[in-house]
Amino acid sequence: MSRETQRVSPCLSLKIAGIEFRNPVIAASGTFGYGSEYEGLLDIAALGGICTKGLTVERRNGNGGIRLWETPSGLLNSIGLENPGIEAFIEKELPRLRALGPVVIANLAGGSIDEYRRGAELLAASSVDMVELNISCPNVKSGGASFGLDAAAASSVVAPVRAACGKPLIVKLSPDAPDLAAVALACVRNGADALSLVNTFRGMAIDIRRRRPVFDNINAGLSGPAIRPIALRLVWELYERVDVPLIGLGGIGCANDAVEFLMAGAAAVQVGSATFANPKAMNQITAGIEDFMRENNIQTLGGFNLRRKS
């Protein structure tokens, strides 16, 4: 039988916490607005999912000063969770977002446990499909340290959000945690249905002509190809430690990058910074994954995983 006749018809669909995705490519939070901003630039309906910009209970204007700064193989951002507030999102943005077709994932942010809980309650009563809990936000009651830096802090926010939200819950992990596995396990114990990793790495830049840090907040989040090998390693390491699906992200810019994450154990991937440089990147990544499956006789996404659990 020829190689040509052996080729399969790949199936790119998957389920995470009971939610069906048409393919594993998801627009990452903070990089795709609320979807409608990209209409006409790519086939939005062909995406697996869209993760919204970070949403807080009250409207936030975001950070002042410079917000984006390019760096070799990466992008630094200090946006500051600019958003209209959850109720305004549900009223004005969500209907248009739902009409686009992909799975809708609301990224929930906050500065206190009470704010997270209230946000979870509002989103639970909405038509979003899933909630992605961003625990990289600063805990204002503990001097601004991220909730995602240690297991106890993560537990303190995941547990009440889980109790308040009947939607499938993804927890987005911070790569700055000294023991990321401990944080991940704490999230799962407290009800996380899936984990997304990783969020941006902390970095900074100095404007040598102005002789001062570029960003008003000094620190900013580093994304882009520069972080991909580290993000890939973290997905690989966590795969054996947790029993929930992993969504890999961090510098994915082409189909080969996405395939690496799928082989490392990710059930799906999120694409962020690449969309800024190439709005069609996610469509091209999806097509490239399908081509790879066809060329390598892989019928389902599970066929990528190098270390399938028994």
C-alpha atoms as a PDB file:
ATOM      1  CA  MET A   1       0.000   0.000   0.000  1.00  0.00           C
ATOM      2  CA  SER A   2       1.408   3.390  -0.966  1.00  0.00           C
ATOM      3  CA  ARG A   3       2.180   6.096   1.571  1.00  0.00           C
ATOM      4  CA  GLU A   4      -0.465   8.231  -0.088  1.00  0.00           C
ATOM      5  CA  THR A   5      -3.254   5.702   0.489  1.00  0.00           C
ATOM      6  CA  GLN A   6      -2.170   5.174   4.122  1.00  0.00           C
ATOM      7  CA  ARG A   7      -2.796   8.777   5.067  1.00  0.00           C
ATOM      8  CA  VAL A   8      -5.631   9.420   7.496  1.00  0.00           C
ATOM      9  CA  SER A   9      -8.243  12.139   7.769  1.00  0.00           C
ATOM     10  CA  PRO A  10      -7.092  13.927  10.927  1.00  0.00           C
ATOM     11  CA  CYS A  11      -9.556  14.794  13.689  1.00  0.00           C
ATOM     12  CA  LEU A  12      -8.510  17.998  15.461  1.00  0.00           C
ATOM     13  CA  SER A  13     -11.404  18.196  17.913  1.00  0.00           C
ATOM     14  CA  LEU A  14     -10.964  17.697  21.652  1.00  0.00           C
ATOM     15  CA  LYS A  15     -12.782  18.119  24.947  1.00  0.00           C
ATOM     16  CA  ILE A  16     -11.552  19.923  28.049  1.00  0.00           C
ATOM     17  CA  ALA A  17     -13.736  19.605  31.147  1.00  0.00           C
ATOM     18  CA  GLY A  18     -16.639  18.547  28.966  1.00  0.00           C
ATOM     19  CA  ILE A  19     -16.363  21.514  26.599  1.00  0.00           C
ATOM     20  CA  GLU A  20     -15.780  20.590  22.969  1.00  0.00           C
ATOM     21  CA  PHE A  21     -13.244  22.537  20.915  1.00  0.00           C
ATOM     22  CA  ARG A  22     -13.131  22.187  17.132  1.00  0.00           C
ATOM     23  CA  ASN A  23      -9.328  22.307  17.295  1.00  0.00           C
ATOM     24  CA  PRO A  24      -6.594  22.908  19.906  1.00  0.00           C
ATOM     25  CA  VAL A  25      -5.680  26.495  18.916  1.00  0.00           C
ATOM     26  CA  ILE A  26      -6.956  29.161  21.325  1.00  0.00           C
ATOM     27  CA  ALA A  27      -6.411  32.927  21.252  1.00  0.00           C
ATOM     28  CA  ALA A  28      -4.524  33.866  24.417  1.00  0.00           C
ATOM     29  CA  SER A  29      -5.826  36.398  26.902  1.00  0.00           C
ATOM     30  CA  GLY A  30      -4.819  39.987  26.318  1.00  0.00           C
ATOM     31  CA  THR A  31      -3.811  39.451  22.694  1.00  0.00           C
ATOM     32  CA  PHE A  32      -7.123  39.114  20.890  1.00  0.00           C
ATOM     33  CA  GLY A  33      -9.330  41.692  22.584  1.00  0.00           C
ATOM     34  CA  TYR A  34     -12.902  40.388  22.562  1.00  0.00           C
ATOM     35  CA  GLY A  35     -12.577  38.817  19.134  1.00  0.00           C
ATOM     36  CA  SER A  36     -14.465  41.321  17.020  1.00  0.00           C
ATOM     37  CA  GLU A  37     -11.377  43.535  16.749  1.00  0.00           C
ATOM     38  CA  TYR A  38      -9.874  40.933  14.394  1.00  0.00           C
ATOM     39  CA  GLU A  39     -12.877  40.427  12.127  1.00  0.00           C
ATOM     40  CA  GLY A  40     -11.754  40.521   8.514  1.00  0.00           C
ATOM     41  CA  LEU A  41      -8.138  39.768   9.398  1.00  0.00           C
ATOM     42  CA  LEU A  42      -8.500  36.000   9.858  1.00  0.00           C
ATOM     43  CA  ASP A  43     -11.145  33.295   9.961  1.00  0.00           C
ATOM     44  CA  ILE A  44     -12.236  33.665  13.585  1.00  0.00           C
ATOM     45  CA  ALA A  45     -14.839  30.907  13.326  1.00  0.00           C
ATOM     46  CA  ALA A  46     -12.017  28.452  12.577  1.00  0.00           C
ATOM     47  CA  LEU A  47     -10.379  29.006  15.978  1.00  0.00           C
ATOM     48  CA  GLY A  48     -10.757  26.482  18.766  1.00  0.00           C
ATOM     49  CA  GLY A  49     -11.413  29.126  21.378  1.00  0.00           C
ATOM     50  CA  ILE A  50     -10.997  32.750  22.399  1.00  0.00           C
ATOM     51  CA  CYS A  51      -9.738  33.761  25.819  1.00  0.00           C
ATOM     52  CA  THR A  52     -10.797  37.301  26.688  1.00  0.00           C
ATOM     53  CA  LYS A  53      -8.689  40.116  27.996  1.00  0.00           C
ATOM     54  CA  GLY A  54      -8.331  39.992  31.774  1.00  0.00           C
ATOM     55  CA  LEU A  55     -11.628  40.978  33.385  1.00  0.00           C
ATOM     56  CA  THR A  56     -12.114  42.543  36.798  1.00  0.00           C
ATOM     57  CA  VAL A  57     -15.298  43.356  38.706  1.00  0.00           C
ATOM     58  CA  GLU A  58     -14.816  47.092  38.315  1.00  0.00           C
ATOM     59  CA  ARG A  59     -13.643  48.906  35.208  1.00  0.00           C
ATOM     60  CA  ARG A  60      -9.887  49.506  35.022  1.00  0.00           C
ATOM     61  CA  ASN A  61      -8.088  52.049  32.871  1.00  0.00           C
ATOM     62  CA  GLY A  62      -4.790  50.191  32.879  1.00  0.00           C
ATOM     63  CA  ASN A  63      -1.289  51.519  33.355  1.00  0.00           C
ATOM     64  CA  GLY A  64      -0.038  54.908  32.274  1.00  0.00           C
ATOM     65  CA  GLY A  65       3.079  55.554  30.228  1.00  0.00           C
ATOM     66  CA  ILE A  66       4.592  53.155  27.715  1.00  0.00           C
ATOM     67  CA  ARG A  67       2.759  49.815  27.598  1.00  0.00           C
ATOM     68  CA  LEU A  68       4.581  47.785  24.948  1.00  0.00           C
ATOM     69  CA  TRP A  69       8.303  47.472  24.235  1.00  0.00           C
ATOM     70  CA  GLU A  70       9.922  45.130  21.737  1.00  0.00           C
ATOM     71  CA  THR A  71      12.952  43.166  22.790  1.00  0.00           C
ATOM     72  CA  PRO A  72      14.974  40.579  20.831  1.00  0.00           C
ATOM     73  CA  SER A  73      12.719  37.544  20.264  1.00  0.00           C
ATOM     74  CA  GLY A  74      10.128  38.917  22.625  1.00  0.00           C
ATOM     75  CA  LEU A  75       7.684  41.569  23.700  1.00  0.00           C
ATOM     76  CA  LEU A  76       7.424  43.313  27.070  1.00  0.00           C
ATOM     77  CA  ASN A  77       3.995  44.540  28.107  1.00  0.00           C
ATOM     78  CA  SER A  78       2.654  46.603  30.977  1.00  0.00           C
ATOM     79  CA  ILE A  79      -1.009  46.996  30.033  1.00  0.00           C
ATOM     80  CA  GLY A  80      -2.391  46.855  33.544  1.00  0.00           C
ATOM     81  CA  LEU A  81      -5.619  44.873  33.008  1.00  0.00           C
ATOM     82  CA  GLU A  82      -7.441  47.607  31.123  1.00  0.00           C
ATOM     83  CA  ASN A  83     -11.036  46.384  30.785  1.00  0.00           C
ATOM     84  CA  PRO A  84     -14.627  47.657  31.001  1.00  0.00           C
ATOM     85  CA  GLY A  85     -15.562  45.577  34.059  1.00  0.00           C
ATOM     86  CA  ILE A  86     -17.317  42.217  34.057  1.00  0.00           C
ATOM     87  CA  GLU A  87     -20.897  43.481  33.957  1.00  0.00           C
ATOM     88  CA  ALA A  88     -20.154  45.778  30.998  1.00  0.00           C
ATOM     89  CA  PHE A  89     -18.355  42.906  29.262  1.00  0.00           C
ATOM     90  CA  ILE A  90     -21.365  40.623  29.721  1.00  0.00           C
ATOM     91  CA  GLU A  91     -23.771  43.256  28.441  1.00  0.00           C
ATOM     92  CA  LYS A  92     -21.822  44.740  25.531  1.00  0.00           C
ATOM     93  CA  GLU A  93     -19.036  42.403  24.448  1.00  0.00           C
ATOM     94  CA  LEU A  94     -20.189  38.880  25.209  1.00  0.00           C
ATOM     95  CA  PRO A  95     -23.112  38.701  22.737  1.00  0.00           C
ATOM     96  CA  ARG A  96     -20.795  39.629  19.838  1.00  0.00           C
ATOM     97  CA  LEU A  97     -18.107  37.287  21.100  1.00  0.00           C
ATOM     98  CA  ARG A  98     -20.540  34.359  21.317  1.00  0.00           C
ATOM     99  CA  ALA A  99     -21.715  35.024  17.757  1.00  0.00           C
ATOM    100  CA  LEU A 100     -18.167  34.505  16.428  1.00  0.00           C
ATOM    101  CA  GLY A 101     -18.385  30.749  17.021  1.00  0.00           C
ATOM    102  CA  PRO A 102     -15.333  29.533  19.015  1.00  0.00           C
ATOM    103  CA  VAL A 103     -15.435  28.437  22.654  1.00  0.00           C
ATOM    104  CA  VAL A 104     -15.545  31.522  24.896  1.00  0.00           C
ATOM    105  CA  ILE A 105     -13.161  31.557  27.866  1.00  0.00           C
ATOM    106  CA  ALA A 106     -13.397  34.505  30.264  1.00  0.00           C
ATOM    107  CA  ASN A 107     -10.089  35.416  31.891  1.00  0.00           C
ATOM    108  CA  LEU A 108     -10.817  36.439  35.491  1.00  0.00           C
ATOM    109  CA  ALA A 109      -8.427  38.761  37.319  1.00  0.00           C
ATOM    110  CA  GLY A 110      -8.564  40.540  40.650  1.00  0.00           C
ATOM    111  CA  GLY A 111      -6.665  42.111  43.523  1.00  0.00           C
ATOM    112  CA  SER A 112      -8.369  40.381  46.447  1.00  0.00           C
ATOM    113  CA  ILE A 113     -10.156  37.130  47.219  1.00  0.00           C
ATOM    114  CA  ASP A 114     -13.468  38.962  47.546  1.00  0.00           C
ATOM    115  CA  GLU A 115     -13.019  40.517  44.108  1.00  0.00           C
ATOM    116  CA  TYR A 116     -12.198  37.159  42.559  1.00  0.00           C
ATOM    117  CA  ARG A 117     -15.228  35.553  44.224  1.00  0.00           C
ATOM    118  CA  ARG A 118     -17.590  38.277  43.037  1.00  0.00           C
ATOM    119  CA  GLY A 119     -16.179  38.082  39.518  1.00  0.00           C
ATOM    120  CA  ALA A 120     -16.676  34.308  39.496  1.00  0.00           C
ATOM    121  CA  GLU A 121     -20.304  34.722  40.554  1.00  0.00           C
ATOM    122  CA  LEU A 122     -20.971  37.194  37.731  1.00  0.00           C
ATOM    123  CA  LEU A 123     -19.327  35.005  35.107  1.00  0.00           C
ATOM    124  CA  ALA A 124     -21.096  31.893  36.382  1.00  0.00           C
ATOM    125  CA  ALA A 125     -24.423  33.562  35.595  1.00  0.00           C
ATOM    126  CA  SER A 126     -23.307  34.506  32.061  1.00  0.00           C
ATOM    127  CA  SER A 127     -23.081  32.542  28.812  1.00  0.00           C
ATOM    128  CA  VAL A 128     -19.289  32.135  28.799  1.00  0.00           C
ATOM    129  CA  ASP A 129     -18.220  28.510  28.324  1.00  0.00           C
ATOM    130  CA  MET A 130     -15.283  28.461  30.723  1.00  0.00           C
ATOM    131  CA  VAL A 131     -13.386  30.678  33.166  1.00  0.00           C
ATOM    132  CA  GLU A 132      -9.602  31.046  33.146  1.00  0.00           C
ATOM    133  CA  LEU A 133      -8.471  32.225  36.574  1.00  0.00           C
ATOM    134  CA  ASN A 134      -5.419  34.456  36.398  1.00  0.00           C
ATOM    135  CA  ILE A 135      -3.519  33.970  39.656  1.00  0.00           C
ATOM    136  CA  SER A 136      -0.577  36.067  38.510  1.00  0.00           C
ATOM    137  CA  CYS A 137      -2.413  39.155  39.758  1.00  0.00           C
ATOM    138  CA  PRO A 138      -0.969  40.934  42.828  1.00  0.00           C
ATOM    139  CA  ASN A 139      -2.617  40.206  46.175  1.00  0.00           C
ATOM    140  CA  VAL A 140      -3.112  43.720  47.529  1.00  0.00           C
ATOM    141  CA  LYS A 141      -3.486  42.428  51.094  1.00  0.00           C
ATOM    142  CA  SER A 142      -0.072  40.785  51.086  1.00  0.00           C
ATOM    143  CA  GLY A 143       2.026  43.618  49.741  1.00  0.00           C
ATOM    144  CA  GLY A 144       1.393  43.000  46.075  1.00  0.00           C
ATOM    145  CA  ALA A 145       2.823  39.485  45.786  1.00  0.00           C
ATOM    146  CA  SER A 146       1.188  37.282  43.170  1.00  0.00           C
ATOM    147  CA  PHE A 147      -1.419  34.745  44.284  1.00  0.00           C
ATOM    148  CA  GLY A 148       0.351  32.260  42.057  1.00  0.00           C
ATOM    149  CA  LEU A 149       3.728  32.319  43.792  1.00  0.00           C
ATOM    150  CA  ASP A 150       3.029  29.637  46.398  1.00  0.00           C
ATOM    151  CA  ALA A 151       0.593  26.825  47.051  1.00  0.00           C
ATOM    152  CA  ALA A 152      -1.117  28.405  50.060  1.00  0.00           C
ATOM    153  CA  ALA A 153      -1.837  31.674  48.271  1.00  0.00           C
ATOM    154  CA  ALA A 154      -3.096  29.822  45.208  1.00  0.00           C
ATOM    155  CA  SER A 155      -5.395  27.674  47.337  1.00  0.00           C
ATOM    156  CA  SER A 156      -6.793  30.756  49.072  1.00  0.00           C
ATOM    157  CA  VAL A 157      -8.204  32.074  45.792  1.00  0.00           C
ATOM    158  CA  VAL A 158      -8.909  28.919  43.768  1.00  0.00           C
ATOM    159  CA  ALA A 159     -11.140  27.372  46.449  1.00  0.00           C
ATOM    160  CA  PRO A 160     -13.607  30.298  46.743  1.00  0.00           C
ATOM    161  CA  VAL A 161     -13.666  30.817  42.974  1.00  0.00           C
ATOM    162  CA  ARG A 162     -14.434  27.122  42.486  1.00  0.00           C
ATOM    163  CA  ALA A 163     -17.258  27.362  45.015  1.00  0.00           C
ATOM    164  CA  ALA A 164     -18.721  30.449  43.339  1.00  0.00           C
ATOM    165  CA  CYS A 165     -18.389  29.336  39.725  1.00  0.00           C
ATOM    166  CA  GLY A 166     -20.230  26.428  38.173  1.00  0.00           C
ATOM    167  CA  LYS A 167     -18.367  26.840  34.892  1.00  0.00           C
ATOM    168  CA  PRO A 168     -15.374  24.664  34.000  1.00  0.00           C
ATOM    169  CA  LEU A 169     -12.354  26.305  35.631  1.00  0.00           C
ATOM    170  CA  ILE A 170      -8.890  26.709  34.110  1.00  0.00           C
ATOM    171  CA  VAL A 171      -6.173  28.186  36.330  1.00  0.00           C
ATOM    172  CA  LYS A 172      -3.422  30.146  34.568  1.00  0.00           C
ATOM    173  CA  LEU A 173      -0.092  29.611  36.289  1.00  0.00           C
ATOM    174  CA  SER A 174       2.748  32.061  36.839  1.00  0.00           C
ATOM    175  CA  PRO A 175       6.228  30.895  35.808  1.00  0.00           C
ATOM    176  CA  ASP A 176       7.686  33.001  38.631  1.00  0.00           C
ATOM    177  CA  ALA A 177       6.570  30.486  41.281  1.00  0.00           C
ATOM    178  CA  PRO A 178       9.653  28.934  42.930  1.00  0.00           C
ATOM    179  CA  ASP A 179       7.834  25.567  43.067  1.00  0.00           C
ATOM    180  CA  LEU A 180       5.386  25.555  40.172  1.00  0.00           C
ATOM    181  CA  ALA A 181       4.452  21.901  40.680  1.00  0.00           C
ATOM    182  CA  ALA A 182       3.323  22.602  44.257  1.00  0.00           C
ATOM    183  CA  VAL A 183       1.166  25.487  43.048  1.00  0.00           C
ATOM    184  CA  ALA A 184      -0.301  23.360  40.261  1.00  0.00           C
ATOM    185  CA  LEU A 185      -1.157  20.517  42.635  1.00  0.00           C
ATOM    186  CA  ALA A 186      -2.785  22.971  45.052  1.00  0.00           C
ATOM    187  CA  CYS A 187      -4.929  24.353  42.226  1.00  0.00           C
ATOM    188  CA  VAL A 188      -6.052  20.869  41.224  1.00  0.00           C
ATOM    189  CA  ARG A 189      -6.831  19.892  44.831  1.00  0.00           C
ATOM    190  CA  ASN A 190      -9.012  22.974  45.117  1.00  0.00           C
ATOM    191  CA  GLY A 191     -11.041  22.283  42.008  1.00  0.00           C
ATOM    192  CA  ALA A 192      -9.166  23.353  38.867  1.00  0.00           C
ATOM    193  CA  ASP A 193     -10.442  21.411  35.844  1.00  0.00           C
ATOM    194  CA  ALA A 194      -7.420  22.362  33.710  1.00  0.00           C
ATOM    195  CA  LEU A 195      -4.238  24.420  33.919  1.00  0.00           C
ATOM    196  CA  SER A 196      -2.822  26.895  31.405  1.00  0.00           C
ATOM    197  CA  LEU A 197       0.886  27.615  31.459  1.00  0.00           C
ATOM    198  CA  VAL A 198       2.720  29.764  31.349  1.00  0.00           C
ATOM    199  CA  ASN A 199       1.861  33.394  31.875  1.00  0.00           C
ATOM    200  CA  THR A 200       4.475  36.019  31.038  1.00  0.00           C
ATOM    201  CA  PHE A 201       7.840  36.153  32.777  1.00  0.00           C
ATOM    202  CA  ARG A 202       8.778  39.259  34.734  1.00  0.00           C
ATOM    203  CA  GLY A 203      11.261  41.463  32.939  1.00  0.00           C
ATOM    204  CA  MET A 204      12.200  45.081  32.467  1.00  0.00           C
ATOM    205  CA  ALA A 205      13.858  47.451  30.016  1.00  0.00           C
ATOM    206  CA  ILE A 206      15.808  50.686  30.375  1.00  0.00           C
ATOM    207  CA  ASP A 207      15.620  53.529  27.909  1.00  0.00           C
ATOM    208  CA  ILE A 208      19.292  54.475  27.754  1.00  0.00           C
ATOM    209  CA  ARG A 209      18.544  57.796  26.048  1.00  0.00           C
ATOM    210  CA  ARG A 210      16.096  58.917  28.720  1.00  0.00           C
ATOM    211  CA  ARG A 211      18.211  57.201  31.363  1.00  0.00           C
ATOM    212  CA  ARG A 212      15.259  55.646  33.108  1.00  0.00           C
ATOM    213  CA  PRO A 213      13.229  52.420  33.103  1.00  0.00           C
ATOM    214  CA  VAL A 214      10.879  52.175  30.147  1.00  0.00           C
ATOM    215  CA  PHE A 215       7.801  51.272  32.186  1.00  0.00           C
ATOM    216  CA  ASP A 216       6.225  53.333  34.940  1.00  0.00           C
ATOM    217  CA  ASN A 217       5.803  50.113  36.961  1.00  0.00           C
ATOM    218  CA  ILE A 218       9.439  49.117  36.276  1.00  0.00           C
ATOM    219  CA  ASN A 219       8.531  45.438  35.780  1.00  0.00           C
ATOM    220  CA  ALA A 220       6.653  44.156  32.750  1.00  0.00           C
ATOM    221  CA  GLY A 221       5.618  40.794  31.323  1.00  0.00           C
ATOM    222  CA  LEU A 222       7.866  39.116  28.765  1.00  0.00           C
ATOM    223  CA  SER A 223       6.223  37.008  26.056  1.00  0.00           C
ATOM    224  CA  GLY A 224       7.210  35.800  22.606  1.00  0.00           C
ATOM    225  CA  PRO A 225       9.664  33.241  21.190  1.00  0.00           C
ATOM    226  CA  ALA A 226      12.272  33.989  23.870  1.00  0.00           C
ATOM    227  CA  ILE A 227      10.215  32.193  26.528  1.00  0.00           C
ATOM    228  CA  ARG A 228       9.105  29.189  24.474  1.00  0.00           C
ATOM    229  CA  PRO A 229      11.824  26.693  25.509  1.00  0.00           C
ATOM    230  CA  ILE A 230      11.202  27.429  29.192  1.00  0.00           C
ATOM    231  CA  ALA A 231       7.424  27.223  28.828  1.00  0.00           C
ATOM    232  CA  LEU A 232       7.804  23.925  26.970  1.00  0.00           C
ATOM    233  CA  ARG A 233       9.954  22.518  29.763  1.00  0.00           C
ATOM    234  CA  LEU A 234       7.370  23.466  32.373  1.00  0.00           C
ATOM    235  CA  VAL A 235       4.574  21.760  30.434  1.00  0.00           C
ATOM    236  CA  TRP A 236       6.738  18.647  30.101  1.00  0.00           C
ATOM    237  CA  GLU A 237       7.502  18.607  33.838  1.00  0.00           C
ATOM    238  CA  LEU A 238       3.944  19.234  35.030  1.00  0.00           C
ATOM    239  CA  TYR A 239       2.376  16.651  32.743  1.00  0.00           C
ATOM    240  CA  GLU A 240       3.503  13.806  34.989  1.00  0.00           C
ATOM    241  CA  ARG A 241       2.487  15.613  38.177  1.00  0.00           C
ATOM    242  CA  VAL A 242      -1.168  16.497  37.571  1.00  0.00           C
ATOM    243  CA  ASP A 243      -4.228  14.638  36.332  1.00  0.00           C
ATOM    244  CA  VAL A 244      -5.988  17.501  34.539  1.00  0.00           C
ATOM    245  CA  PRO A 245      -5.518  18.761  30.966  1.00  0.00           C
ATOM    246  CA  LEU A 246      -2.730  21.261  30.326  1.00  0.00           C
ATOM    247  CA  ILE A 247      -3.018  24.160  27.896  1.00  0.00           C
ATOM    248  CA  GLY A 248       0.431  25.223  26.764  1.00  0.00           C
ATOM    249  CA  LEU A 249       1.418  28.746  25.824  1.00  0.00           C
ATOM    250  CA  GLY A 250       4.492  30.871  25.550  1.00  0.00           C
ATOM    251  CA  GLY A 251       6.075  31.959  22.284  1.00  0.00           C
ATOM    252  CA  ILE A 252       4.109  29.707  19.939  1.00  0.00           C
ATOM    253  CA  GLY A 253       4.410  31.234  16.484  1.00  0.00           C
ATOM    254  CA  CYS A 254       4.060  28.397  13.988  1.00  0.00           C
ATOM    255  CA  ALA A 255       2.667  24.884  13.672  1.00  0.00           C
ATOM    256  CA  ASN A 256       5.978  23.252  14.628  1.00  0.00           C
ATOM    257  CA  ASP A 257       5.971  25.185  17.907  1.00  0.00           C
ATOM    258  CA  ALA A 258       2.433  24.017  18.654  1.00  0.00           C
ATOM    259  CA  VAL A 259       3.324  20.411  17.833  1.00  0.00           C
ATOM    260  CA  GLU A 260       6.179  20.569  20.357  1.00  0.00           C
ATOM    261  CA  PHE A 261       3.736  21.527  23.110  1.00  0.00           C
ATOM    262  CA  LEU A 262       1.288  18.806  22.077  1.00  0.00           C
ATOM    263  CA  MET A 263       4.116  16.267  22.159  1.00  0.00           C
ATOM    264  CA  ALA A 264       5.141  17.522  25.615  1.00  0.00           C
ATOM    265  CA  GLY A 265       1.684  16.692  26.947  1.00  0.00           C
ATOM    266  CA  ALA A 266      -0.439  19.771  26.293  1.00  0.00           C
ATOM    267  CA  ALA A 267      -4.038  19.046  25.300  1.00  0.00           C
ATOM    268  CA  ALA A 268      -4.315  22.428  23.564  1.00  0.00           C
ATOM    269  CA  VAL A 269      -2.294  25.584  22.993  1.00  0.00           C
ATOM    270  CA  GLN A 270      -2.831  29.308  23.278  1.00  0.00           C
ATOM    271  CA  VAL A 271      -1.279  31.744  20.819  1.00  0.00           C
ATOM    272  CA  GLY A 272      -0.611  35.324  21.846  1.00  0.00           C
ATOM    273  CA  SER A 273       2.216  37.587  20.723  1.00  0.00           C
ATOM    274  CA  ALA A 274       2.459  35.913  17.314  1.00  0.00           C
ATOM    275  CA  THR A 275      -0.936  37.372  16.412  1.00  0.00           C
ATOM    276  CA  PHE A 276       0.449  40.915  16.704  1.00  0.00           C
ATOM    277  CA  ALA A 277       3.070  40.230  14.051  1.00  0.00           C
ATOM    278  CA  ASN A 278       0.852  38.017  11.898  1.00  0.00           C
ATOM    279  CA  PRO A 279      -2.926  38.222  12.430  1.00  0.00           C
ATOM    280  CA  LYS A 280      -3.382  35.008  10.433  1.00  0.00           C
ATOM    281  CA  ALA A 281      -0.955  33.056  12.617  1.00  0.00           C
ATOM    282  CA  MET A 282      -3.598  30.987  14.426  1.00  0.00           C
ATOM    283  CA  ASN A 283      -5.305  29.893  11.194  1.00  0.00           C
ATOM    284  CA  GLN A 284      -1.910  28.951   9.776  1.00  0.00           C
ATOM    285  CA  ILE A 285      -0.966  27.034  12.922  1.00  0.00           C
ATOM    286  CA  THR A 286      -4.211  25.056  12.813  1.00  0.00           C
ATOM    287  CA  ALA A 287      -3.677  24.194   9.144  1.00  0.00           C
ATOM    288  CA  GLY A 288      -0.072  23.239   9.864  1.00  0.00           C
ATOM    289  CA  ILE A 289      -1.079  20.903  12.687  1.00  0.00           C
ATOM    290  CA  GLU A 290      -3.553  19.187  10.361  1.00  0.00           C
ATOM    291  CA  ASP A 291      -0.920  18.855   7.635  1.00  0.00           C
ATOM    292  CA  PHE A 292       1.543  17.368  10.143  1.00  0.00           C
ATOM    293  CA  MET A 293      -1.067  14.835  11.263  1.00  0.00           C
ATOM    294  CA  ARG A 294      -1.848  13.841   7.713  1.00  0.00           C
ATOM    295  CA  GLU A 295       1.814  13.524   6.735  1.00  0.00           C
ATOM    296  CA  ASN A 296       2.663  11.462   9.831  1.00  0.00           C
ATOM    297  CA  ASN A 297      -0.453   9.280   9.874  1.00  0.00           C
ATOM    298  CA  ILE A 298      -1.734  10.769  13.164  1.00  0.00           C
ATOM    299  CA  GLN A 299      -5.497  10.465  13.399  1.00  0.00           C
ATOM    300  CA  THR A 300      -6.259  12.264  16.676  1.00  0.00           C
ATOM    301  CA  LEU A 301      -4.504  14.811  18.863  1.00  0.00           C
ATOM    302  CA  GLY A 302      -3.752  12.088  21.391  1.00  0.00           C
ATOM    303  CA  GLY A 303      -1.362  10.636  18.845  1.00  0.00           C
ATOM    304  CA  PHE A 304       1.049  13.522  19.440  1.00  0.00           C
ATOM    305  CA  ASN A 305       1.661  12.824  23.104  1.00  0.00           C
ATOM    306  CA  LEU A 306       5.064  11.265  23.659  1.00  0.00           C
ATOM    307  CA  ARG A 307       4.208  10.082  27.196  1.00  0.00           C
ATOM    308  CA  ARG A 308       0.571   9.067  27.244  1.00  0.00           C
ATOM    309  CA  LYS A 309      -0.492   8.030  30.721  1.00  0.00           C
ATOM    310  CA  SER A 310      -1.796   4.516  31.199  1.00  0.00           C
END
